[in-house]
Structures are given as C-alpha cells and as structure tokens.
C-alpha cells in the first residue's frame, strides 16, 4: 500500500471550506484589473515510459535486423504544482509554471525471441532474457514566458509567448536479467541526471463565460537542440485545461487536467561478445533508440488574485 499523502486531504478540506463560503457569500465579478494571479495546486499524475528502437548486428559476413517496442506504466502520487501570472499592461504579461514529478516503480520484462537469421551460425531464433528493473523517475520543470495578447476583451483573451524553461530529468535503476545460452545473468545499477535551460514557445487562451467563471487552455513546446538541457535529440510538449471559479474578488478554486511529454532519441553502437566457451562473435551492432515519458493527470487547488 502506498503511503498516504498529506496534500490530498489538505486540498480537499480547503476546497470544501471555500465551497461553503461560496454558498453564503454575495456574487462578485472577476475583475480584469488584477495584476497578479497565483495558483497553488495538488497534481495527481500517472506516467508512461516507453522505449523503442531498431538496428542491425553483424558477424562480419551476414547482417540481421532487430527492433523492440516496450512501454511501462507507473501508479499515481500527489505532487505540488504552481502557476503565477503578472500582467504589466493591457496586452502584456509574464507567465510562470512549475511541475514536479517523482515516482519509484518496479517493472518486469518477460523476455522475447528475435529471428536473427544466420548471424553467428545456422538460421534460428535468438532469446532475449527476462529482466526486472527497480527504478526511480524524476522530472522537474519551471518555465517563465513573456506573453502578448492579440485578442483581449471582457470575455476572451488569446496570447502568444516566448520564454525559457529549466528542466531536470533524473533516472535511477537497479536491474537484473536472466541467462540464456548466449548471455550470462547480469546485475547492473545505473544513475543518470541532466538539467539545463532551453528557450520555448507558449500560447494561452482564456474564456470568461460568466461573472466568476473562467476556462483556460495553455500549451508549451521546446526542442532539446535549442538549449543545453540534453545532448539527445528530442522535444518537450505540454497542454493544460483549467476551470476556475472565483468565490470572492481575491480567492477562488480551480480544477483542471495537465498532460506533458518528453521524447528523446539517440544513435547507438557497440559490440556484443559471446560468453567464454562459445566460439562465436564478436558481433558489432548499431541502431537508433527513442524514449518518451508521458505524464498526465487531474489537479485541483486555490487561486489568489491581487
């Protein structure tokens, strides 16, 4: 059983208290003169981690192709999320967002069999052993964007922005695999961490259908080649939906849903060698592997305007 998070009951109690206040409080309009907007949320995401690749392996004479495509899911856990906006003119604003995702998981891979053709001897299948991986995934994102609103009136606002995103990606894994006729049992521990900055694109659409209600859509995009975040090729994309109700001119509640994905790709080369006692190989190989981390889930929290 996963440990109980204090964020969930705190968020629910706060939302309940504000909902009771909303019933007894008089109606207040959401003022367009608010310069500062602060949203504090509890984010309940789940994640999906995928790896896919293809390549070739040779024994110096023959060449065989191989490919793989595996996906691993994670459970949910409550994480903090924050957003801040500062409007310094009718059409110009600074918009900031922060995310934090951390998860410990165990994945098991049942193994497979590849048809490697005639590599290393007579035609026949090659067995890929089963494996177990105990890992930790971590992803932190903080962005600051300048936004200019091309549409700005009492009910609709749409703007485009350009800014900078700081990201930290961490992966720790301890893995063990079984043995086959060609591969011995293995046990490895890997730690990998990257962080850096990258310019990014931003857009936001806000619709205010009634006095105290607003509906917002927001999206961001960056390419890893634009900054110093990662050496691998890839991109980050994010989309979010939020529905907000202002209980008073300064305090409100909101619910929403956020989705983001980090997709990376890189080329690889290496040489596989058969265990001692087997007269085969070495087997040089090369190919390309891609990985993507998708994080998505609901959120809820409080809004402060001043």
C-alpha atoms as a PDB file:
ATOM      1  CA  UNK A   1       0.000   0.000   0.000  1.00  0.00           C
ATOM      2  CA  UNK A   2       1.350   3.439  -0.921  1.00  0.00           C
ATOM      3  CA  UNK A   3       1.899   5.948   1.909  1.00  0.00           C
ATOM      4  CA  UNK A   4      -0.911   8.440   2.439  1.00  0.00           C
ATOM      5  CA  UNK A   5      -0.049  11.896   1.097  1.00  0.00           C
ATOM      6  CA  UNK A   6      -0.932  14.949   3.213  1.00  0.00           C
ATOM      7  CA  UNK A   7      -1.537  17.025   0.073  1.00  0.00           C
ATOM      8  CA  UNK A   8      -4.801  15.302  -0.863  1.00  0.00           C
ATOM      9  CA  UNK A   9      -6.755  15.854   2.396  1.00  0.00           C
ATOM     10  CA  UNK A  10      -5.416  19.393   2.687  1.00  0.00           C
ATOM     11  CA  UNK A  11      -6.570  20.268  -0.821  1.00  0.00           C
ATOM     12  CA  UNK A  12      -9.983  18.643  -0.307  1.00  0.00           C
ATOM     13  CA  UNK A  13     -10.604  20.387   3.014  1.00  0.00           C
ATOM     14  CA  UNK A  14      -9.598  23.749   1.560  1.00  0.00           C
ATOM     15  CA  UNK A  15     -11.855  23.253  -1.455  1.00  0.00           C
ATOM     16  CA  UNK A  16     -14.764  22.211   0.810  1.00  0.00           C
ATOM     17  CA  UNK A  17     -14.344  25.245   3.017  1.00  0.00           C
ATOM     18  CA  UNK A  18     -14.314  27.600   0.046  1.00  0.00           C
ATOM     19  CA  UNK A  19     -17.330  25.895  -1.482  1.00  0.00           C
ATOM     20  CA  UNK A  20     -19.302  26.518   1.749  1.00  0.00           C
ATOM     21  CA  UNK A  21     -18.160  30.136   1.699  1.00  0.00           C
ATOM     22  CA  UNK A  22     -19.338  30.449  -1.912  1.00  0.00           C
ATOM     23  CA  UNK A  23     -22.893  29.492  -0.923  1.00  0.00           C
ATOM     24  CA  UNK A  24     -23.155  32.239   1.689  1.00  0.00           C
ATOM     25  CA  UNK A  25     -21.048  34.935   0.010  1.00  0.00           C
ATOM     26  CA  UNK A  26     -22.525  37.547  -2.332  1.00  0.00           C
ATOM     27  CA  UNK A  27     -21.718  37.383  -6.041  1.00  0.00           C
ATOM     28  CA  UNK A  28     -18.500  39.077  -7.121  1.00  0.00           C
ATOM     29  CA  UNK A  29     -17.282  39.665 -10.635  1.00  0.00           C
ATOM     30  CA  UNK A  30     -13.815  38.593 -11.713  1.00  0.00           C
ATOM     31  CA  UNK A  31     -12.076  41.888 -12.197  1.00  0.00           C
ATOM     32  CA  UNK A  32      -9.913  42.480 -15.244  1.00  0.00           C
ATOM     33  CA  UNK A  33      -7.664  44.817 -13.249  1.00  0.00           C
ATOM     34  CA  UNK A  34      -5.912  42.050 -11.291  1.00  0.00           C
ATOM     35  CA  UNK A  35      -2.186  42.297 -11.959  1.00  0.00           C
ATOM     36  CA  UNK A  36      -1.078  39.217 -10.042  1.00  0.00           C
ATOM     37  CA  UNK A  37      -2.550  35.710 -10.213  1.00  0.00           C
ATOM     38  CA  UNK A  38      -1.182  32.857  -8.084  1.00  0.00           C
ATOM     39  CA  UNK A  39      -2.438  29.262  -8.371  1.00  0.00           C
ATOM     40  CA  UNK A  40      -1.357  26.570  -5.918  1.00  0.00           C
ATOM     41  CA  UNK A  41      -2.432  23.067  -6.883  1.00  0.00           C
ATOM     42  CA  UNK A  42      -2.181  19.417  -5.957  1.00  0.00           C
ATOM     43  CA  UNK A  43      -1.341  17.443  -9.105  1.00  0.00           C
ATOM     44  CA  UNK A  44      -2.171  13.711  -9.259  1.00  0.00           C
ATOM     45  CA  UNK A  45      -0.336  12.373 -12.308  1.00  0.00           C
ATOM     46  CA  UNK A  46       0.397   8.957 -13.666  1.00  0.00           C
ATOM     47  CA  UNK A  47       3.223   8.330 -16.121  1.00  0.00           C
ATOM     48  CA  UNK A  48       4.018   6.069 -19.027  1.00  0.00           C
ATOM     49  CA  UNK A  49       7.613   5.347 -20.010  1.00  0.00           C
ATOM     50  CA  UNK A  50       8.312   3.891 -23.444  1.00  0.00           C
ATOM     51  CA  UNK A  51      11.373   2.664 -25.310  1.00  0.00           C
ATOM     52  CA  UNK A  52      11.569   1.714 -28.977  1.00  0.00           C
ATOM     53  CA  UNK A  53      14.445   1.067 -31.314  1.00  0.00           C
ATOM     54  CA  UNK A  54      15.777  -0.728 -34.322  1.00  0.00           C
ATOM     55  CA  UNK A  55      19.196  -1.606 -35.625  1.00  0.00           C
ATOM     56  CA  UNK A  56      21.471  -4.138 -37.263  1.00  0.00           C
ATOM     57  CA  UNK A  57      24.000  -6.677 -35.989  1.00  0.00           C
ATOM     58  CA  UNK A  58      26.677  -8.493 -37.984  1.00  0.00           C
ATOM     59  CA  UNK A  59      29.237 -11.246 -37.569  1.00  0.00           C
ATOM     60  CA  UNK A  60      31.432  -9.789 -40.324  1.00  0.00           C
ATOM     61  CA  UNK A  61      29.691 -11.720 -43.077  1.00  0.00           C
ATOM     62  CA  UNK A  62      25.931 -11.698 -42.561  1.00  0.00           C
ATOM     63  CA  UNK A  63      23.688  -8.891 -41.291  1.00  0.00           C
ATOM     64  CA  UNK A  64      20.464  -9.199 -39.291  1.00  0.00           C
ATOM     65  CA  UNK A  65      17.893  -6.585 -38.302  1.00  0.00           C
ATOM     66  CA  UNK A  66      16.340  -6.246 -34.845  1.00  0.00           C
ATOM     67  CA  UNK A  67      13.727  -3.988 -33.265  1.00  0.00           C
ATOM     68  CA  UNK A  68      11.867  -3.572 -29.961  1.00  0.00           C
ATOM     69  CA  UNK A  69       8.997  -1.506 -28.531  1.00  0.00           C
ATOM     70  CA  UNK A  70       8.199  -1.658 -24.817  1.00  0.00           C
ATOM     71  CA  UNK A  71       6.029   0.501 -22.532  1.00  0.00           C
ATOM     72  CA  UNK A  72       5.878   0.666 -18.730  1.00  0.00           C
ATOM     73  CA  UNK A  73       3.187   2.338 -16.627  1.00  0.00           C
ATOM     74  CA  UNK A  74       3.505   3.912 -13.182  1.00  0.00           C
ATOM     75  CA  UNK A  75       0.990   4.463 -10.395  1.00  0.00           C
ATOM     76  CA  UNK A  76      -0.351   7.800  -9.183  1.00  0.00           C
ATOM     77  CA  UNK A  77       1.006  10.060  -6.448  1.00  0.00           C
ATOM     78  CA  UNK A  78       0.132  13.600  -5.372  1.00  0.00           C
ATOM     79  CA  UNK A  79       2.700  16.238  -6.357  1.00  0.00           C
ATOM     80  CA  UNK A  80       2.879  20.050  -5.998  1.00  0.00           C
ATOM     81  CA  UNK A  81       2.171  22.335  -8.926  1.00  0.00           C
ATOM     82  CA  UNK A  82       2.261  26.122  -9.123  1.00  0.00           C
ATOM     83  CA  UNK A  83       1.483  28.876 -11.618  1.00  0.00           C
ATOM     84  CA  UNK A  84       1.990  32.634 -11.443  1.00  0.00           C
ATOM     85  CA  UNK A  85       0.992  35.492 -13.732  1.00  0.00           C
ATOM     86  CA  UNK A  86       1.947  39.167 -13.723  1.00  0.00           C
ATOM     87  CA  UNK A  87       0.125  41.451 -16.164  1.00  0.00           C
ATOM     88  CA  UNK A  88       2.019  44.718 -16.617  1.00  0.00           C
ATOM     89  CA  UNK A  89      -0.117  46.193 -19.426  1.00  0.00           C
ATOM     90  CA  UNK A  90      -3.465  45.529 -21.060  1.00  0.00           C
ATOM     91  CA  UNK A  91      -1.927  43.026 -23.510  1.00  0.00           C
ATOM     92  CA  UNK A  92       1.418  42.038 -21.952  1.00  0.00           C
ATOM     93  CA  UNK A  93       2.113  39.569 -19.158  1.00  0.00           C
ATOM     94  CA  UNK A  94       4.716  37.294 -17.622  1.00  0.00           C
ATOM     95  CA  UNK A  95       3.511  33.721 -17.036  1.00  0.00           C
ATOM     96  CA  UNK A  96       5.340  31.143 -14.896  1.00  0.00           C
ATOM     97  CA  UNK A  97       4.668  27.424 -14.303  1.00  0.00           C
ATOM     98  CA  UNK A  98       6.242  24.781 -12.067  1.00  0.00           C
ATOM     99  CA  UNK A  99       5.864  20.977 -12.088  1.00  0.00           C
ATOM    100  CA  UNK A 100       7.440  18.248 -10.034  1.00  0.00           C
ATOM    101  CA  UNK A 101       7.091  14.521 -10.730  1.00  0.00           C
ATOM    102  CA  UNK A 102       8.748  11.777  -8.645  1.00  0.00           C
ATOM    103  CA  UNK A 103       7.969   8.099  -8.682  1.00  0.00           C
ATOM    104  CA  UNK A 104       9.542   4.830  -7.510  1.00  0.00           C
ATOM    105  CA  UNK A 105       8.455   1.815  -9.537  1.00  0.00           C
ATOM    106  CA  UNK A 106       9.282  -1.810 -10.335  1.00  0.00           C
ATOM    107  CA  UNK A 107       8.955  -3.106 -13.894  1.00  0.00           C
ATOM    108  CA  UNK A 108       9.249  -6.660 -15.125  1.00  0.00           C
ATOM    109  CA  UNK A 109      10.030  -7.694 -18.697  1.00  0.00           C
ATOM    110  CA  UNK A 110       9.097 -11.210 -19.726  1.00  0.00           C
ATOM    111  CA  UNK A 111      11.680 -11.582 -22.470  1.00  0.00           C
ATOM    112  CA  UNK A 112      11.193 -12.311 -26.159  1.00  0.00           C
ATOM    113  CA  UNK A 113      12.657 -14.199 -29.089  1.00  0.00           C
ATOM    114  CA  UNK A 114      14.178 -12.494 -32.138  1.00  0.00           C
ATOM    115  CA  UNK A 115      14.671 -14.078 -35.530  1.00  0.00           C
ATOM    116  CA  UNK A 116      18.307 -13.184 -36.150  1.00  0.00           C
ATOM    117  CA  UNK A 117      18.624 -15.050 -39.451  1.00  0.00           C
ATOM    118  CA  UNK A 118      22.017 -16.659 -39.991  1.00  0.00           C
ATOM    119  CA  UNK A 119      24.055 -14.443 -37.680  1.00  0.00           C
ATOM    120  CA  UNK A 120      26.638 -16.497 -35.829  1.00  0.00           C
ATOM    121  CA  UNK A 121      25.750 -19.802 -37.430  1.00  0.00           C
ATOM    122  CA  UNK A 122      22.704 -21.677 -38.690  1.00  0.00           C
ATOM    123  CA  UNK A 123      19.401 -19.843 -39.014  1.00  0.00           C
ATOM    124  CA  UNK A 124      17.447 -19.797 -35.778  1.00  0.00           C
ATOM    125  CA  UNK A 125      15.901 -17.628 -33.073  1.00  0.00           C
ATOM    126  CA  UNK A 126      17.851 -15.614 -30.513  1.00  0.00           C
ATOM    127  CA  UNK A 127      16.439 -15.489 -26.989  1.00  0.00           C
ATOM    128  CA  UNK A 128      16.270 -12.144 -25.127  1.00  0.00           C
ATOM    129  CA  UNK A 129      16.185 -12.917 -21.386  1.00  0.00           C
ATOM    130  CA  UNK A 130      13.586 -11.780 -18.863  1.00  0.00           C
ATOM    131  CA  UNK A 131      14.528  -8.861 -16.643  1.00  0.00           C
ATOM    132  CA  UNK A 132      13.441  -6.933 -13.550  1.00  0.00           C
ATOM    133  CA  UNK A 133      14.043  -3.222 -13.072  1.00  0.00           C
ATOM    134  CA  UNK A 134      13.651  -1.246  -9.838  1.00  0.00           C
ATOM    135  CA  UNK A 135      13.793   2.414 -10.746  1.00  0.00           C
ATOM    136  CA  UNK A 136      13.100   5.999  -9.784  1.00  0.00           C
ATOM    137  CA  UNK A 137      11.939   8.636 -12.245  1.00  0.00           C
ATOM    138  CA  UNK A 138      12.150  12.349 -11.568  1.00  0.00           C
ATOM    139  CA  UNK A 139      11.156  15.305 -13.717  1.00  0.00           C
ATOM    140  CA  UNK A 140      11.099  18.946 -12.598  1.00  0.00           C
ATOM    141  CA  UNK A 141      10.067  21.780 -14.905  1.00  0.00           C
ATOM    142  CA  UNK A 142       9.976  25.526 -14.326  1.00  0.00           C
ATOM    143  CA  UNK A 143       9.144  27.985 -17.105  1.00  0.00           C
ATOM    144  CA  UNK A 144       8.879  31.751 -17.453  1.00  0.00           C
ATOM    145  CA  UNK A 145       7.258  33.216 -20.576  1.00  0.00           C
ATOM    146  CA  UNK A 146       6.586  36.668 -21.930  1.00  0.00           C
ATOM    147  CA  UNK A 147       3.097  36.753 -23.418  1.00  0.00           C
ATOM    148  CA  UNK A 148       1.423  39.227 -25.758  1.00  0.00           C
ATOM    149  CA  UNK A 149      -2.374  39.043 -26.153  1.00  0.00           C
ATOM    150  CA  UNK A 150      -3.570  39.517 -29.723  1.00  0.00           C
ATOM    151  CA  UNK A 151      -7.185  39.205 -28.532  1.00  0.00           C
ATOM    152  CA  UNK A 152      -8.165  40.910 -25.275  1.00  0.00           C
ATOM    153  CA  UNK A 153     -11.727  41.786 -24.267  1.00  0.00           C
ATOM    154  CA  UNK A 154     -14.192  41.125 -21.433  1.00  0.00           C
ATOM    155  CA  UNK A 155     -14.904  37.511 -22.418  1.00  0.00           C
ATOM    156  CA  UNK A 156     -11.947  36.237 -24.446  1.00  0.00           C
ATOM    157  CA  UNK A 157      -8.178  36.540 -24.310  1.00  0.00           C
ATOM    158  CA  UNK A 158      -5.632  34.829 -26.532  1.00  0.00           C
ATOM    159  CA  UNK A 159      -1.888  35.367 -26.480  1.00  0.00           C
ATOM    160  CA  UNK A 160       1.406  34.008 -27.777  1.00  0.00           C
ATOM    161  CA  UNK A 161       4.645  33.952 -25.846  1.00  0.00           C
ATOM    162  CA  UNK A 162       8.329  33.207 -25.851  1.00  0.00           C
ATOM    163  CA  UNK A 163      10.312  32.275 -22.782  1.00  0.00           C
ATOM    164  CA  UNK A 164      12.779  29.989 -21.078  1.00  0.00           C
ATOM    165  CA  UNK A 165      12.300  26.584 -19.426  1.00  0.00           C
ATOM    166  CA  UNK A 166      14.513  24.976 -16.808  1.00  0.00           C
ATOM    167  CA  UNK A 167      14.269  21.194 -16.639  1.00  0.00           C
ATOM    168  CA  UNK A 168      15.810  18.474 -14.516  1.00  0.00           C
ATOM    169  CA  UNK A 169      15.459  14.832 -15.541  1.00  0.00           C
ATOM    170  CA  UNK A 170      16.666  12.043 -13.267  1.00  0.00           C
ATOM    171  CA  UNK A 171      16.628   8.261 -13.639  1.00  0.00           C
ATOM    172  CA  UNK A 172      17.997   5.693 -11.230  1.00  0.00           C
ATOM    173  CA  UNK A 173      17.679   1.979 -11.884  1.00  0.00           C
ATOM    174  CA  UNK A 174      18.831  -1.329 -10.487  1.00  0.00           C
ATOM    175  CA  UNK A 175      18.232  -4.175 -12.887  1.00  0.00           C
ATOM    176  CA  UNK A 176      18.773  -7.905 -13.107  1.00  0.00           C
ATOM    177  CA  UNK A 177      18.309 -10.199 -16.108  1.00  0.00           C
ATOM    178  CA  UNK A 178      18.255 -13.951 -16.501  1.00  0.00           C
ATOM    179  CA  UNK A 179      20.673 -16.019 -18.529  1.00  0.00           C
ATOM    180  CA  UNK A 180      20.347 -17.749 -21.903  1.00  0.00           C
ATOM    181  CA  UNK A 181      22.584 -19.990 -23.996  1.00  0.00           C
ATOM    182  CA  UNK A 182      24.441 -16.912 -25.270  1.00  0.00           C
ATOM    183  CA  UNK A 183      24.127 -14.430 -22.396  1.00  0.00           C
ATOM    184  CA  UNK A 184      25.051 -14.793 -18.735  1.00  0.00           C
ATOM    185  CA  UNK A 185      22.889 -13.495 -15.881  1.00  0.00           C
ATOM    186  CA  UNK A 186      23.550  -9.804 -15.255  1.00  0.00           C
ATOM    187  CA  UNK A 187      23.035  -7.235 -12.498  1.00  0.00           C
ATOM    188  CA  UNK A 188      23.559  -3.510 -13.070  1.00  0.00           C
ATOM    189  CA  UNK A 189      22.975  -0.216 -11.267  1.00  0.00           C
ATOM    190  CA  UNK A 190      22.654   2.966 -13.331  1.00  0.00           C
ATOM    191  CA  UNK A 191      22.273   6.605 -12.270  1.00  0.00           C
ATOM    192  CA  UNK A 192      21.602   9.311 -14.841  1.00  0.00           C
ATOM    193  CA  UNK A 193      20.791  13.002 -14.323  1.00  0.00           C
ATOM    194  CA  UNK A 194      20.592  16.020 -16.608  1.00  0.00           C
ATOM    195  CA  UNK A 195      19.467  19.595 -16.104  1.00  0.00           C
ATOM    196  CA  UNK A 196      19.656  22.800 -18.091  1.00  0.00           C
ATOM    197  CA  UNK A 197      17.821  25.645 -19.804  1.00  0.00           C
ATOM    198  CA  UNK A 198      16.085  25.932 -23.134  1.00  0.00           C
ATOM    199  CA  UNK A 199      14.040  28.614 -24.925  1.00  0.00           C
ATOM    200  CA  UNK A 200      10.436  27.616 -25.564  1.00  0.00           C
ATOM    201  CA  UNK A 201       7.163  28.670 -27.171  1.00  0.00           C
ATOM    202  CA  UNK A 202       3.953  29.373 -25.269  1.00  0.00           C
ATOM    203  CA  UNK A 203       0.291  30.076 -26.032  1.00  0.00           C
ATOM    204  CA  UNK A 204      -2.745  30.628 -23.819  1.00  0.00           C
ATOM    205  CA  UNK A 205      -6.487  31.016 -24.429  1.00  0.00           C
ATOM    206  CA  UNK A 206      -8.860  32.212 -21.670  1.00  0.00           C
ATOM    207  CA  UNK A 207     -12.654  32.336 -21.959  1.00  0.00           C
ATOM    208  CA  UNK A 208     -14.818  34.047 -19.303  1.00  0.00           C
ATOM    209  CA  UNK A 209     -18.408  32.863 -19.929  1.00  0.00           C
ATOM    210  CA  UNK A 210     -19.865  34.342 -16.721  1.00  0.00           C
ATOM    211  CA  UNK A 211     -19.009  36.775 -13.929  1.00  0.00           C
ATOM    212  CA  UNK A 212     -16.996  34.476 -11.689  1.00  0.00           C
ATOM    213  CA  UNK A 213     -16.096  31.702 -14.130  1.00  0.00           C
ATOM    214  CA  UNK A 214     -13.163  31.251 -16.484  1.00  0.00           C
ATOM    215  CA  UNK A 215     -11.914  28.413 -18.676  1.00  0.00           C
ATOM    216  CA  UNK A 216      -8.281  28.355 -19.787  1.00  0.00           C
ATOM    217  CA  UNK A 217      -6.216  26.383 -22.272  1.00  0.00           C
ATOM    218  CA  UNK A 218      -2.411  26.577 -22.248  1.00  0.00           C
ATOM    219  CA  UNK A 219       0.313  24.916 -24.323  1.00  0.00           C
ATOM    220  CA  UNK A 220       4.132  24.925 -24.397  1.00  0.00           C
ATOM    221  CA  UNK A 221       6.774  23.492 -26.724  1.00  0.00           C
ATOM    222  CA  UNK A 222      10.571  23.315 -26.790  1.00  0.00           C
ATOM    223  CA  UNK A 223      13.206  21.412 -28.721  1.00  0.00           C
ATOM    224  CA  UNK A 224      16.240  19.967 -26.931  1.00  0.00           C
ATOM    225  CA  UNK A 225      18.545  21.393 -29.611  1.00  0.00           C
ATOM    226  CA  UNK A 226      17.519  24.949 -28.636  1.00  0.00           C
ATOM    227  CA  UNK A 227      19.294  24.933 -25.269  1.00  0.00           C
ATOM    228  CA  UNK A 228      21.738  22.998 -23.076  1.00  0.00           C
ATOM    229  CA  UNK A 229      19.220  20.673 -21.409  1.00  0.00           C
ATOM    230  CA  UNK A 230      20.133  17.418 -23.182  1.00  0.00           C
ATOM    231  CA  UNK A 231      22.570  16.185 -25.806  1.00  0.00           C
ATOM    232  CA  UNK A 232      19.978  13.779 -27.215  1.00  0.00           C
ATOM    233  CA  UNK A 233      17.587  14.811 -29.994  1.00  0.00           C
ATOM    234  CA  UNK A 234      14.054  15.404 -28.821  1.00  0.00           C
ATOM    235  CA  UNK A 235      11.327  17.783 -27.767  1.00  0.00           C
ATOM    236  CA  UNK A 236       9.015  18.638 -24.878  1.00  0.00           C
ATOM    237  CA  UNK A 237       5.329  19.460 -25.310  1.00  0.00           C
ATOM    238  CA  UNK A 238       2.675  20.283 -22.772  1.00  0.00           C
ATOM    239  CA  UNK A 239      -1.074  21.078 -22.765  1.00  0.00           C
ATOM    240  CA  UNK A 240      -3.311  22.025 -19.868  1.00  0.00           C
ATOM    241  CA  UNK A 241      -7.001  22.763 -19.211  1.00  0.00           C
ATOM    242  CA  UNK A 242      -8.245  24.676 -16.153  1.00  0.00           C
ATOM    243  CA  UNK A 243     -11.711  25.698 -14.958  1.00  0.00           C
ATOM    244  CA  UNK A 244     -11.792  28.390 -12.282  1.00  0.00           C
ATOM    245  CA  UNK A 245     -14.494  29.805 -10.014  1.00  0.00           C
ATOM    246  CA  UNK A 246     -13.881  32.981  -8.021  1.00  0.00           C
ATOM    247  CA  UNK A 247     -15.505  32.747  -4.586  1.00  0.00           C
ATOM    248  CA  UNK A 248     -14.558  36.353  -3.803  1.00  0.00           C
ATOM    249  CA  UNK A 249     -12.693  39.057  -5.738  1.00  0.00           C
ATOM    250  CA  UNK A 250      -9.392  37.724  -4.368  1.00  0.00           C
ATOM    251  CA  UNK A 251      -9.850  33.989  -3.710  1.00  0.00           C
ATOM    252  CA  UNK A 252     -11.088  31.194  -5.942  1.00  0.00           C
ATOM    253  CA  UNK A 253     -10.944  27.460  -6.566  1.00  0.00           C
ATOM    254  CA  UNK A 254      -9.886  25.642  -9.702  1.00  0.00           C
ATOM    255  CA  UNK A 255      -9.768  22.168 -11.189  1.00  0.00           C
ATOM    256  CA  UNK A 256      -8.045  21.020 -14.341  1.00  0.00           C
ATOM    257  CA  UNK A 257      -6.067  18.441 -16.241  1.00  0.00           C
ATOM    258  CA  UNK A 258      -2.444  18.581 -17.380  1.00  0.00           C
ATOM    259  CA  UNK A 259      -0.554  16.495 -19.904  1.00  0.00           C
ATOM    260  CA  UNK A 260       3.071  16.683 -20.995  1.00  0.00           C
ATOM    261  CA  UNK A 261       5.552  14.517 -22.864  1.00  0.00           C
ATOM    262  CA  UNK A 262       9.324  14.437 -23.203  1.00  0.00           C
ATOM    263  CA  UNK A 263      10.507  12.491 -26.256  1.00  0.00           C
ATOM    264  CA  UNK A 264      14.206  11.722 -26.858  1.00  0.00           C
ATOM    265  CA  UNK A 265      16.176   9.834 -29.495  1.00  0.00           C
ATOM    266  CA  UNK A 266      19.825   8.881 -29.962  1.00  0.00           C
ATOM    267  CA  UNK A 267      22.030   6.655 -32.113  1.00  0.00           C
ATOM    268  CA  UNK A 268      23.971   3.799 -30.543  1.00  0.00           C
ATOM    269  CA  UNK A 269      26.821   1.473 -31.477  1.00  0.00           C
ATOM    270  CA  UNK A 270      28.559  -1.360 -29.665  1.00  0.00           C
ATOM    271  CA  UNK A 271      29.934  -4.877 -29.784  1.00  0.00           C
ATOM    272  CA  UNK A 272      28.348  -7.963 -28.235  1.00  0.00           C
ATOM    273  CA  UNK A 273      30.553 -10.873 -27.231  1.00  0.00           C
ATOM    274  CA  UNK A 274      29.561 -14.454 -26.510  1.00  0.00           C
ATOM    275  CA  UNK A 275      30.352 -15.953 -23.090  1.00  0.00           C
ATOM    276  CA  UNK A 276      33.591 -17.873 -22.622  1.00  0.00           C
ATOM    277  CA  UNK A 277      33.497 -21.331 -24.167  1.00  0.00           C
ATOM    278  CA  UNK A 278      31.271 -20.386 -27.108  1.00  0.00           C
ATOM    279  CA  UNK A 279      33.082 -19.968 -30.402  1.00  0.00           C
ATOM    280  CA  UNK A 280      31.061 -17.094 -31.891  1.00  0.00           C
ATOM    281  CA  UNK A 281      31.383 -13.402 -32.467  1.00  0.00           C
ATOM    282  CA  UNK A 282      32.223 -10.694 -31.798  1.00  0.00           C
ATOM    283  CA  UNK A 283      29.015  -9.093 -33.106  1.00  0.00           C
ATOM    284  CA  UNK A 284      29.193  -5.332 -33.858  1.00  0.00           C
ATOM    285  CA  UNK A 285      25.791  -3.633 -33.790  1.00  0.00           C
ATOM    286  CA  UNK A 286      24.333  -0.170 -34.430  1.00  0.00           C
ATOM    287  CA  UNK A 287      20.933   1.462 -34.456  1.00  0.00           C
ATOM    288  CA  UNK A 288      18.744   4.158 -33.003  1.00  0.00           C
ATOM    289  CA  UNK A 289      16.691   4.138 -29.805  1.00  0.00           C
ATOM    290  CA  UNK A 290      13.873   6.520 -28.830  1.00  0.00           C
ATOM    291  CA  UNK A 291      12.281   7.013 -25.445  1.00  0.00           C
ATOM    292  CA  UNK A 292       9.343   9.058 -24.266  1.00  0.00           C
ATOM    293  CA  UNK A 293       7.939   9.948 -20.868  1.00  0.00           C
ATOM    294  CA  UNK A 294       4.257  10.892 -20.793  1.00  0.00           C
ATOM    295  CA  UNK A 295       2.842  12.402 -17.604  1.00  0.00           C
ATOM    296  CA  UNK A 296      -0.818  13.300 -17.238  1.00  0.00           C
ATOM    297  CA  UNK A 297      -3.468  13.680 -14.568  1.00  0.00           C
ATOM    298  CA  UNK A 298      -6.007  15.903 -12.784  1.00  0.00           C
ATOM    299  CA  UNK A 299      -5.243  18.787 -10.475  1.00  0.00           C
ATOM    300  CA  UNK A 300      -7.164  20.976  -8.016  1.00  0.00           C
ATOM    301  CA  UNK A 301      -6.300  23.917  -5.832  1.00  0.00           C
ATOM    302  CA  UNK A 302      -6.705  27.545  -4.838  1.00  0.00           C
ATOM    303  CA  UNK A 303      -6.415  30.766  -6.829  1.00  0.00           C
ATOM    304  CA  UNK A 304      -5.355  34.136  -5.389  1.00  0.00           C
ATOM    305  CA  UNK A 305      -5.769  37.402  -7.315  1.00  0.00           C
ATOM    306  CA  UNK A 306      -4.378  40.737  -6.142  1.00  0.00           C
END
